[in-house]
Amino acid sequence: MRAKHRKTLEAIFAHPVRANIKWRDIETLLKALGAEIEERKGSRVAVIFPDRHPAVFHRPHPGPNADKGAVAALRDWLAGMGITPRKERT
């Protein structure tokens, strides 16, 4: 995992929840972790890890940053799969 991906993962797990994480950086991190990003209707995107149920998130618009609710939901989903800043999925 690149340093930029690690920084994004740490930002997702920061307390309090941050609202200044660029969605583009989140998608890049997810792809680096092995996820596929699938476009859905409107601004929705499905994040699919092999052998897992997909999670659907809303890509932010018009701004580039994910809101706190999306970051919190993403953090919970990743933690449920065992992906944290201390332990990445292998």
PDB file of N, CA and C in Angstrom:
ATOM      1  N   MET A   1       0.848  -1.176   0.000  1.00  0.00           N
ATOM      2  CA  MET A   1       0.000   0.000   0.000  1.00  0.00           C
ATOM      3  C   MET A   1       0.894   1.240   0.000  1.00  0.00           C
ATOM      4  N   ARG A   2       0.575   2.148  -0.874  1.00  0.00           N
ATOM      5  CA  ARG A   2       1.340   3.390  -0.971  1.00  0.00           C
ATOM      6  C   ARG A   2       1.068   4.293   0.231  1.00  0.00           C
ATOM      7  N   ALA A   3       1.975   5.216   0.464  1.00  0.00           N
ATOM      8  CA  ALA A   3       1.838   6.150   1.582  1.00  0.00           C
ATOM      9  C   ALA A   3       0.555   6.980   1.456  1.00  0.00           C
ATOM     10  N   LYS A   4       0.206   7.375   0.231  1.00  0.00           N
ATOM     11  CA  LYS A   4      -1.015   8.167   0.035  1.00  0.00           C
ATOM     12  C   LYS A   4      -2.256   7.360   0.406  1.00  0.00           C
ATOM     13  N   HIS A   5      -2.270   6.078   0.074  1.00  0.00           N
ATOM     14  CA  HIS A   5      -3.400   5.226   0.437  1.00  0.00           C
ATOM     15  C   HIS A   5      -3.484   5.087   1.952  1.00  0.00           C
ATOM     16  N   ARG A   6      -2.343   4.907   2.592  1.00  0.00           N
ATOM     17  CA  ARG A   6      -2.312   4.775   4.055  1.00  0.00           C
ATOM     18  C   ARG A   6      -2.841   6.047   4.720  1.00  0.00           C
ATOM     19  N   LYS A   7      -2.466   7.218   4.185  1.00  0.00           N
ATOM     20  CA  LYS A   7      -2.951   8.486   4.737  1.00  0.00           C
ATOM     21  C   LYS A   7      -4.466   8.590   4.600  1.00  0.00           C
ATOM     22  N   THR A   8      -4.988   8.160   3.456  1.00  0.00           N
ATOM     23  CA  THR A   8      -6.439   8.193   3.254  1.00  0.00           C
ATOM     24  C   THR A   8      -7.130   7.261   4.232  1.00  0.00           C
ATOM     25  N   LEU A   9      -6.590   6.063   4.423  1.00  0.00           N
ATOM     26  CA  LEU A   9      -7.185   5.110   5.370  1.00  0.00           C
ATOM     27  C   LEU A   9      -7.147   5.682   6.784  1.00  0.00           C
ATOM     28  N   GLU A  10      -6.048   6.300   7.160  1.00  0.00           N
ATOM     29  CA  GLU A  10      -5.954   6.918   8.485  1.00  0.00           C
ATOM     30  C   GLU A  10      -6.949   8.062   8.627  1.00  0.00           C
ATOM     31  N   ALA A  11      -7.161   8.830   7.565  1.00  0.00           N
ATOM     32  CA  ALA A  11      -8.136   9.924   7.601  1.00  0.00           C
ATOM     33  C   ALA A  11      -9.555   9.388   7.785  1.00  0.00           C
ATOM     34  N   ILE A  12      -9.860   8.269   7.153  1.00  0.00           N
ATOM     35  CA  ILE A  12     -11.185   7.663   7.290  1.00  0.00           C
ATOM     36  C   ILE A  12     -11.440   7.245   8.735  1.00  0.00           C
ATOM     37  N   PHE A  13     -10.410   6.773   9.414  1.00  0.00           N
ATOM     38  CA  PHE A  13     -10.555   6.293  10.787  1.00  0.00           C
ATOM     39  C   PHE A  13     -10.238   7.359  11.839  1.00  0.00           C
ATOM     40  N   ALA A  14      -9.999   8.600  11.430  1.00  0.00           N
ATOM     41  CA  ALA A  14      -9.686   9.677  12.370  1.00  0.00           C
ATOM     42  C   ALA A  14     -10.909  10.019  13.222  1.00  0.00           C
ATOM     43  N   HIS A  15     -10.629  10.459  14.425  1.00  0.00           N
ATOM     44  CA  HIS A  15     -11.689  10.940  15.331  1.00  0.00           C
ATOM     45  C   HIS A  15     -11.399  12.381  15.643  1.00  0.00           C
ATOM     46  N   PRO A  16     -12.349  13.278  15.550  1.00  0.00           N
ATOM     47  CA  PRO A  16     -13.709  13.083  15.061  1.00  0.00           C
ATOM     48  C   PRO A  16     -13.726  12.816  13.554  1.00  0.00           C
ATOM     49  N   VAL A  17     -14.879  12.401  13.081  1.00  0.00           N
ATOM     50  CA  VAL A  17     -15.039  12.067  11.661  1.00  0.00           C
ATOM     51  C   VAL A  17     -14.731  13.298  10.816  1.00  0.00           C
ATOM     52  N   ARG A  18     -13.932  13.110   9.796  1.00  0.00           N
ATOM     53  CA  ARG A  18     -13.534  14.216   8.932  1.00  0.00           C
ATOM     54  C   ARG A  18     -14.470  14.348   7.733  1.00  0.00           C
ATOM     55  N   ALA A  19     -14.608  15.583   7.276  1.00  0.00           N
ATOM     56  CA  ALA A  19     -15.449  15.855   6.105  1.00  0.00           C
ATOM     57  C   ALA A  19     -14.628  16.465   4.979  1.00  0.00           C
ATOM     58  N   ASN A  20     -13.319  16.312   5.036  1.00  0.00           N
ATOM     59  CA  ASN A  20     -12.476  16.920   4.002  1.00  0.00           C
ATOM     60  C   ASN A  20     -11.676  15.872   3.231  1.00  0.00           C
ATOM     61  N   ILE A  21     -12.206  14.661   3.139  1.00  0.00           N
ATOM     62  CA  ILE A  21     -11.539  13.595   2.399  1.00  0.00           C
ATOM     63  C   ILE A  21     -12.111  13.564   0.986  1.00  0.00           C
ATOM     64  N   LYS A  22     -11.248  13.673   0.022  1.00  0.00           N
ATOM     65  CA  LYS A  22     -11.690  13.667  -1.371  1.00  0.00           C
ATOM     66  C   LYS A  22     -12.181  12.265  -1.758  1.00  0.00           C
ATOM     67  N   TRP A  23     -13.358  12.214  -2.377  1.00  0.00           N
ATOM     68  CA  TRP A  23     -13.930  10.929  -2.781  1.00  0.00           C
ATOM     69  C   TRP A  23     -13.016  10.199  -3.752  1.00  0.00           C
ATOM     70  N   ARG A  24     -12.358  10.935  -4.609  1.00  0.00           N
ATOM     71  CA  ARG A  24     -11.416  10.341  -5.568  1.00  0.00           C
ATOM     72  C   ARG A  24     -10.321   9.566  -4.822  1.00  0.00           C
ATOM     73  N   ASP A  25      -9.828  10.112  -3.700  1.00  0.00           N
ATOM     74  CA  ASP A  25      -8.809   9.422  -2.902  1.00  0.00           C
ATOM     75  C   ASP A  25      -9.369   8.162  -2.252  1.00  0.00           C
ATOM     76  N   ILE A  26     -10.637   8.228  -1.843  1.00  0.00           N
ATOM     77  CA  ILE A  26     -11.284   7.051  -1.249  1.00  0.00           C
ATOM     78  C   ILE A  26     -11.406   5.943  -2.289  1.00  0.00           C
ATOM     79  N   GLU A  27     -11.852   6.282  -3.493  1.00  0.00           N
ATOM     80  CA  GLU A  27     -11.978   5.275  -4.548  1.00  0.00           C
ATOM     81  C   GLU A  27     -10.620   4.665  -4.899  1.00  0.00           C
ATOM     82  N   THR A  28      -9.588   5.487  -4.950  1.00  0.00           N
ATOM     83  CA  THR A  28      -8.236   4.997  -5.242  1.00  0.00           C
ATOM     84  C   THR A  28      -7.773   4.027  -4.158  1.00  0.00           C
ATOM     85  N   LEU A  29      -8.036   4.355  -2.913  1.00  0.00           N
ATOM     86  CA  LEU A  29      -7.693   3.465  -1.802  1.00  0.00           C
ATOM     87  C   LEU A  29      -8.430   2.135  -1.927  1.00  0.00           C
ATOM     88  N   LEU A  30      -9.729   2.188  -2.172  1.00  0.00           N
ATOM     89  CA  LEU A  30     -10.521   0.963  -2.272  1.00  0.00           C
ATOM     90  C   LEU A  30     -10.017   0.062  -3.390  1.00  0.00           C
ATOM     91  N   LYS A  31      -9.663   0.660  -4.520  1.00  0.00           N
ATOM     92  CA  LYS A  31      -9.109  -0.128  -5.625  1.00  0.00           C
ATOM     93  C   LYS A  31      -7.776  -0.743  -5.234  1.00  0.00           C
ATOM     94  N   ALA A  32      -6.954  -0.004  -4.494  1.00  0.00           N
ATOM     95  CA  ALA A  32      -5.662  -0.531  -4.048  1.00  0.00           C
ATOM     96  C   ALA A  32      -5.846  -1.697  -3.076  1.00  0.00           C
ATOM     97  N   LEU A  33      -6.966  -1.697  -2.356  1.00  0.00           N
ATOM     98  CA  LEU A  33      -7.262  -2.788  -1.426  1.00  0.00           C
ATOM     99  C   LEU A  33      -7.891  -3.995  -2.126  1.00  0.00           C
ATOM    100  N   GLY A  34      -8.174  -3.863  -3.424  1.00  0.00           N
ATOM    101  CA  GLY A  34      -8.699  -4.988  -4.188  1.00  0.00           C
ATOM    102  C   GLY A  34     -10.173  -4.901  -4.538  1.00  0.00           C
ATOM    103  N   ALA A  35     -10.795  -3.767  -4.291  1.00  0.00           N
ATOM    104  CA  ALA A  35     -12.220  -3.609  -4.591  1.00  0.00           C
ATOM    105  C   ALA A  35     -12.432  -3.197  -6.040  1.00  0.00           C
ATOM    106  N   GLU A  36     -13.597  -3.527  -6.538  1.00  0.00           N
ATOM    107  CA  GLU A  36     -14.051  -3.029  -7.837  1.00  0.00           C
ATOM    108  C   GLU A  36     -15.082  -1.953  -7.556  1.00  0.00           C
ATOM    109  N   ILE A  37     -15.064  -0.898  -8.355  1.00  0.00           N
ATOM    110  CA  ILE A  37     -16.045   0.178  -8.238  1.00  0.00           C
ATOM    111  C   ILE A  37     -16.986   0.056  -9.429  1.00  0.00           C
ATOM    112  N   GLU A  38     -18.263  -0.077  -9.135  1.00  0.00           N
ATOM    113  CA  GLU A  38     -19.270  -0.252 -10.186  1.00  0.00           C
ATOM    114  C   GLU A  38     -20.241   0.920 -10.149  1.00  0.00           C
ATOM    115  N   GLU A  39     -20.405   1.562 -11.273  1.00  0.00           N
ATOM    116  CA  GLU A  39     -21.326   2.699 -11.366  1.00  0.00           C
ATOM    117  C   GLU A  39     -22.762   2.189 -11.246  1.00  0.00           C
ATOM    118  N   ARG A  40     -23.553   2.895 -10.484  1.00  0.00           N
ATOM    119  CA  ARG A  40     -24.970   2.594 -10.348  1.00  0.00           C
ATOM    120  C   ARG A  40     -25.782   3.804 -10.795  1.00  0.00           C
ATOM    121  N   LYS A  41     -27.043   3.779 -10.558  1.00  0.00           N
ATOM    122  CA  LYS A  41     -27.930   4.857 -10.977  1.00  0.00           C
ATOM    123  C   LYS A  41     -27.611   6.159 -10.229  1.00  0.00           C
ATOM    124  N   GLY A  42     -27.678   7.254 -10.950  1.00  0.00           N
ATOM    125  CA  GLY A  42     -27.427   8.558 -10.335  1.00  0.00           C
ATOM    126  C   GLY A  42     -25.988   8.677  -9.883  1.00  0.00           C
ATOM    127  N   SER A  43     -25.802   9.108  -8.660  1.00  0.00           N
ATOM    128  CA  SER A  43     -24.449   9.299  -8.137  1.00  0.00           C
ATOM    129  C   SER A  43     -24.004   8.120  -7.265  1.00  0.00           C
ATOM    130  N   ARG A  44     -24.729   7.017  -7.345  1.00  0.00           N
ATOM    131  CA  ARG A  44     -24.384   5.855  -6.529  1.00  0.00           C
ATOM    132  C   ARG A  44     -23.255   5.053  -7.160  1.00  0.00           C
ATOM    133  N   VAL A  45     -22.420   4.512  -6.285  1.00  0.00           N
ATOM    134  CA  VAL A  45     -21.375   3.580  -6.715  1.00  0.00           C
ATOM    135  C   VAL A  45     -21.396   2.391  -5.772  1.00  0.00           C
ATOM    136  N   ALA A  46     -21.234   1.208  -6.327  1.00  0.00           N
ATOM    137  CA  ALA A  46     -21.138  -0.002  -5.529  1.00  0.00           C
ATOM    138  C   ALA A  46     -19.656  -0.325  -5.369  1.00  0.00           C
ATOM    139  N   VAL A  47     -19.278  -0.653  -4.157  1.00  0.00           N
ATOM    140  CA  VAL A  47     -17.905  -1.061  -3.872  1.00  0.00           C
ATOM    141  C   VAL A  47     -17.965  -2.552  -3.589  1.00  0.00           C
ATOM    142  N   ILE A  48     -17.243  -3.316  -4.397  1.00  0.00           N
ATOM    143  CA  ILE A  48     -17.350  -4.771  -4.340  1.00  0.00           C
ATOM    144  C   ILE A  48     -15.980  -5.389  -4.087  1.00  0.00           C
ATOM    145  N   PHE A  49     -15.878  -6.081  -2.954  1.00  0.00           N
ATOM    146  CA  PHE A  49     -14.702  -6.895  -2.682  1.00  0.00           C
ATOM    147  C   PHE A  49     -15.069  -8.336  -3.027  1.00  0.00           C
ATOM    148  N   PRO A  50     -14.135  -9.121  -3.532  1.00  0.00           N
ATOM    149  CA  PRO A  50     -14.429 -10.524  -3.833  1.00  0.00           C
ATOM    150  C   PRO A  50     -14.985 -11.243  -2.597  1.00  0.00           C
ATOM    151  N   ASP A  51     -16.008 -12.052  -2.801  1.00  0.00           N
ATOM    152  CA  ASP A  51     -16.626 -12.858  -1.746  1.00  0.00           C
ATOM    153  C   ASP A  51     -17.258 -12.027  -0.642  1.00  0.00           C
ATOM    154  N   ARG A  52     -17.666 -10.810  -0.942  1.00  0.00           N
ATOM    155  CA  ARG A  52     -18.327  -9.941   0.040  1.00  0.00           C
ATOM    156  C   ARG A  52     -19.566  -9.338  -0.590  1.00  0.00           C
ATOM    157  N   HIS A  53     -20.500  -8.928   0.256  1.00  0.00           N
ATOM    158  CA  HIS A  53     -21.654  -8.194  -0.238  1.00  0.00           C
ATOM    159  C   HIS A  53     -21.206  -6.788  -0.594  1.00  0.00           C
ATOM    160  N   PRO A  54     -21.689  -6.266  -1.696  1.00  0.00           N
ATOM    161  CA  PRO A  54     -21.282  -4.902  -2.068  1.00  0.00           C
ATOM    162  C   PRO A  54     -21.898  -3.869  -1.127  1.00  0.00           C
ATOM    163  N   ALA A  55     -21.219  -2.770  -0.992  1.00  0.00           N
ATOM    164  CA  ALA A  55     -21.761  -1.618  -0.271  1.00  0.00           C
ATOM    165  C   ALA A  55     -21.995  -0.536  -1.308  1.00  0.00           C
ATOM    166  N   VAL A  56     -23.071   0.198  -1.140  1.00  0.00           N
ATOM    167  CA  VAL A  56     -23.402   1.254  -2.084  1.00  0.00           C
ATOM    168  C   VAL A  56     -23.256   2.599  -1.368  1.00  0.00           C
ATOM    169  N   PHE A  57     -22.509   3.493  -1.999  1.00  0.00           N
ATOM    170  CA  PHE A  57     -22.275   4.820  -1.462  1.00  0.00           C
ATOM    171  C   PHE A  57     -22.668   5.847  -2.512  1.00  0.00           C
ATOM    172  N   HIS A  58     -22.929   7.056  -2.060  1.00  0.00           N
ATOM    173  CA  HIS A  58     -23.229   8.157  -2.968  1.00  0.00           C
ATOM    174  C   HIS A  58     -21.959   8.950  -3.196  1.00  0.00           C
ATOM    175  N   ARG A  59     -21.591   9.100  -4.458  1.00  0.00           N
ATOM    176  CA  ARG A  59     -20.451   9.939  -4.815  1.00  0.00           C
ATOM    177  C   ARG A  59     -20.883  11.390  -4.573  1.00  0.00           C
ATOM    178  N   PRO A  60     -20.072  12.164  -3.861  1.00  0.00           N
ATOM    179  CA  PRO A  60     -20.487  13.540  -3.551  1.00  0.00           C
ATOM    180  C   PRO A  60     -20.554  14.421  -4.794  1.00  0.00           C
ATOM    181  N   HIS A  61     -21.467  15.368  -4.742  1.00  0.00           N
ATOM    182  CA  HIS A  61     -21.580  16.348  -5.810  1.00  0.00           C
ATOM    183  C   HIS A  61     -22.279  17.560  -5.244  1.00  0.00           C
ATOM    184  N   PRO A  62     -22.033  18.744  -5.598  1.00  0.00           N
ATOM    185  CA  PRO A  62     -21.090  19.127  -6.638  1.00  0.00           C
ATOM    186  C   PRO A  62     -19.647  19.175  -6.143  1.00  0.00           C
ATOM    187  N   GLY A  63     -19.430  19.133  -4.834  1.00  0.00           N
ATOM    188  CA  GLY A  63     -18.066  19.205  -4.309  1.00  0.00           C
ATOM    189  C   GLY A  63     -17.360  17.862  -4.361  1.00  0.00           C
ATOM    190  N   PRO A  64     -16.040  17.855  -4.169  1.00  0.00           N
ATOM    191  CA  PRO A  64     -15.269  16.622  -4.284  1.00  0.00           C
ATOM    192  C   PRO A  64     -15.143  15.826  -2.982  1.00  0.00           C
ATOM    193  N   ASN A  65     -15.546  16.420  -1.855  1.00  0.00           N
ATOM    194  CA  ASN A  65     -15.300  15.781  -0.560  1.00  0.00           C
ATOM    195  C   ASN A  65     -16.484  14.957  -0.077  1.00  0.00           C
ATOM    196  N   ALA A  66     -16.173  13.810   0.531  1.00  0.00           N
ATOM    197  CA  ALA A  66     -17.197  12.959   1.131  1.00  0.00           C
ATOM    198  C   ALA A  66     -17.694  13.617   2.415  1.00  0.00           C
ATOM    199  N   ASP A  67     -18.987  13.512   2.681  1.00  0.00           N
ATOM    200  CA  ASP A  67     -19.497  14.105   3.913  1.00  0.00           C
ATOM    201  C   ASP A  67     -19.247  13.172   5.098  1.00  0.00           C
ATOM    202  N   LYS A  68     -19.481  13.670   6.301  1.00  0.00           N
ATOM    203  CA  LYS A  68     -19.173  12.905   7.509  1.00  0.00           C
ATOM    204  C   LYS A  68     -19.961  11.602   7.589  1.00  0.00           C
ATOM    205  N   GLY A  69     -21.211  11.629   7.146  1.00  0.00           N
ATOM    206  CA  GLY A  69     -22.028  10.420   7.178  1.00  0.00           C
ATOM    207  C   GLY A  69     -21.470   9.328   6.285  1.00  0.00           C
ATOM    208  N   ALA A  70     -21.023   9.705   5.099  1.00  0.00           N
ATOM    209  CA  ALA A  70     -20.440   8.731   4.170  1.00  0.00           C
ATOM    210  C   ALA A  70     -19.127   8.178   4.720  1.00  0.00           C
ATOM    211  N   VAL A  71     -18.323   9.052   5.322  1.00  0.00           N
ATOM    212  CA  VAL A  71     -17.049   8.607   5.888  1.00  0.00           C
ATOM    213  C   VAL A  71     -17.297   7.649   7.051  1.00  0.00           C
ATOM    214  N   ALA A  72     -18.269   7.972   7.916  1.00  0.00           N
ATOM    215  CA  ALA A  72     -18.580   7.097   9.052  1.00  0.00           C
ATOM    216  C   ALA A  72     -19.092   5.738   8.569  1.00  0.00           C
ATOM    217  N   ALA A  73     -19.962   5.735   7.556  1.00  0.00           N
ATOM    218  CA  ALA A  73     -20.486   4.481   7.018  1.00  0.00           C
ATOM    219  C   ALA A  73     -19.370   3.654   6.385  1.00  0.00           C
ATOM    220  N   LEU A  74     -18.487   4.308   5.662  1.00  0.00           N
ATOM    221  CA  LEU A  74     -17.358   3.626   5.037  1.00  0.00           C
ATOM    222  C   LEU A  74     -16.438   3.042   6.104  1.00  0.00           C
ATOM    223  N   ARG A  75     -16.160   3.812   7.154  1.00  0.00           N
ATOM    224  CA  ARG A  75     -15.303   3.338   8.244  1.00  0.00           C
ATOM    225  C   ARG A  75     -15.903   2.082   8.889  1.00  0.00           C
ATOM    226  N   ASP A  76     -17.194   2.107   9.190  1.00  0.00           N
ATOM    227  CA  ASP A  76     -17.844   0.951   9.809  1.00  0.00           C
ATOM    228  C   ASP A  76     -17.781  -0.267   8.898  1.00  0.00           C
ATOM    229  N   TRP A  77     -18.015  -0.060   7.606  1.00  0.00           N
ATOM    230  CA  TRP A  77     -18.000  -1.163   6.647  1.00  0.00           C
ATOM    231  C   TRP A  77     -16.609  -1.766   6.543  1.00  0.00           C
ATOM    232  N   LEU A  78     -15.591  -0.914   6.433  1.00  0.00           N
ATOM    233  CA  LEU A  78     -14.217  -1.411   6.342  1.00  0.00           C
ATOM    234  C   LEU A  78     -13.809  -2.136   7.626  1.00  0.00           C
ATOM    235  N   ALA A  79     -14.137  -1.565   8.768  1.00  0.00           N
ATOM    236  CA  ALA A  79     -13.785  -2.189  10.050  1.00  0.00           C
ATOM    237  C   ALA A  79     -14.457  -3.546  10.188  1.00  0.00           C
ATOM    238  N   GLY A  80     -15.685  -3.666   9.688  1.00  0.00           N
ATOM    239  CA  GLY A  80     -16.388  -4.944   9.732  1.00  0.00           C
ATOM    240  C   GLY A  80     -15.704  -6.026   8.917  1.00  0.00           C
ATOM    241  N   MET A  81     -14.915  -5.620   7.934  1.00  0.00           N
ATOM    242  CA  MET A  81     -14.155  -6.578   7.125  1.00  0.00           C
ATOM    243  C   MET A  81     -12.733  -6.751   7.641  1.00  0.00           C
ATOM    244  N   GLY A  82     -12.416  -6.062   8.735  1.00  0.00           N
ATOM    245  CA  GLY A  82     -11.077  -6.180   9.287  1.00  0.00           C
ATOM    246  C   GLY A  82     -10.052  -5.259   8.658  1.00  0.00           C
ATOM    247  N   ILE A  83     -10.518  -4.271   7.922  1.00  0.00           N
ATOM    248  CA  ILE A  83      -9.601  -3.312   7.301  1.00  0.00           C
ATOM    249  C   ILE A  83      -9.554  -2.068   8.162  1.00  0.00           C
ATOM    250  N   THR A  84      -8.434  -1.854   8.793  1.00  0.00           N
ATOM    251  CA  THR A  84      -8.198  -0.681   9.633  1.00  0.00           C
ATOM    252  C   THR A  84      -6.809  -0.144   9.312  1.00  0.00           C
ATOM    253  N   PRO A  85      -6.466   1.023   9.828  1.00  0.00           N
ATOM    254  CA  PRO A  85      -5.116   1.537   9.552  1.00  0.00           C
ATOM    255  C   PRO A  85      -4.008   0.611  10.064  1.00  0.00           C
ATOM    256  N   ARG A  86      -4.299  -0.187  11.058  1.00  0.00           N
ATOM    257  CA  ARG A  86      -3.285  -1.088  11.591  1.00  0.00           C
ATOM    258  C   ARG A  86      -3.232  -2.424  10.855  1.00  0.00           C
ATOM    259  N   LYS A  87      -4.346  -2.765  10.194  1.00  0.00           N
ATOM    260  CA  LYS A  87      -4.410  -4.087   9.556  1.00  0.00           C
ATOM    261  C   LYS A  87      -5.152  -3.971   8.233  1.00  0.00           C
ATOM    262  N   GLU A  88      -4.448  -4.048   7.137  1.00  0.00           N
ATOM    263  CA  GLU A  88      -5.070  -4.012   5.830  1.00  0.00           C
ATOM    264  C   GLU A  88      -5.422  -5.427   5.405  1.00  0.00           C
ATOM    265  N   ARG A  89      -6.409  -5.526   4.556  1.00  0.00           N
ATOM    266  CA  ARG A  89      -6.828  -6.815   4.017  1.00  0.00           C
ATOM    267  C   ARG A  89      -5.755  -7.342   3.066  1.00  0.00           C
ATOM    268  N   THR A  90      -5.398  -8.604   3.208  1.00  0.00           N
ATOM    269  CA  THR A  90      -4.378  -9.203   2.330  1.00  0.00           C
ATOM    270  C   THR A  90      -4.978 -10.291   1.478  1.00  0.00           C
TER     271      THR A  90
END
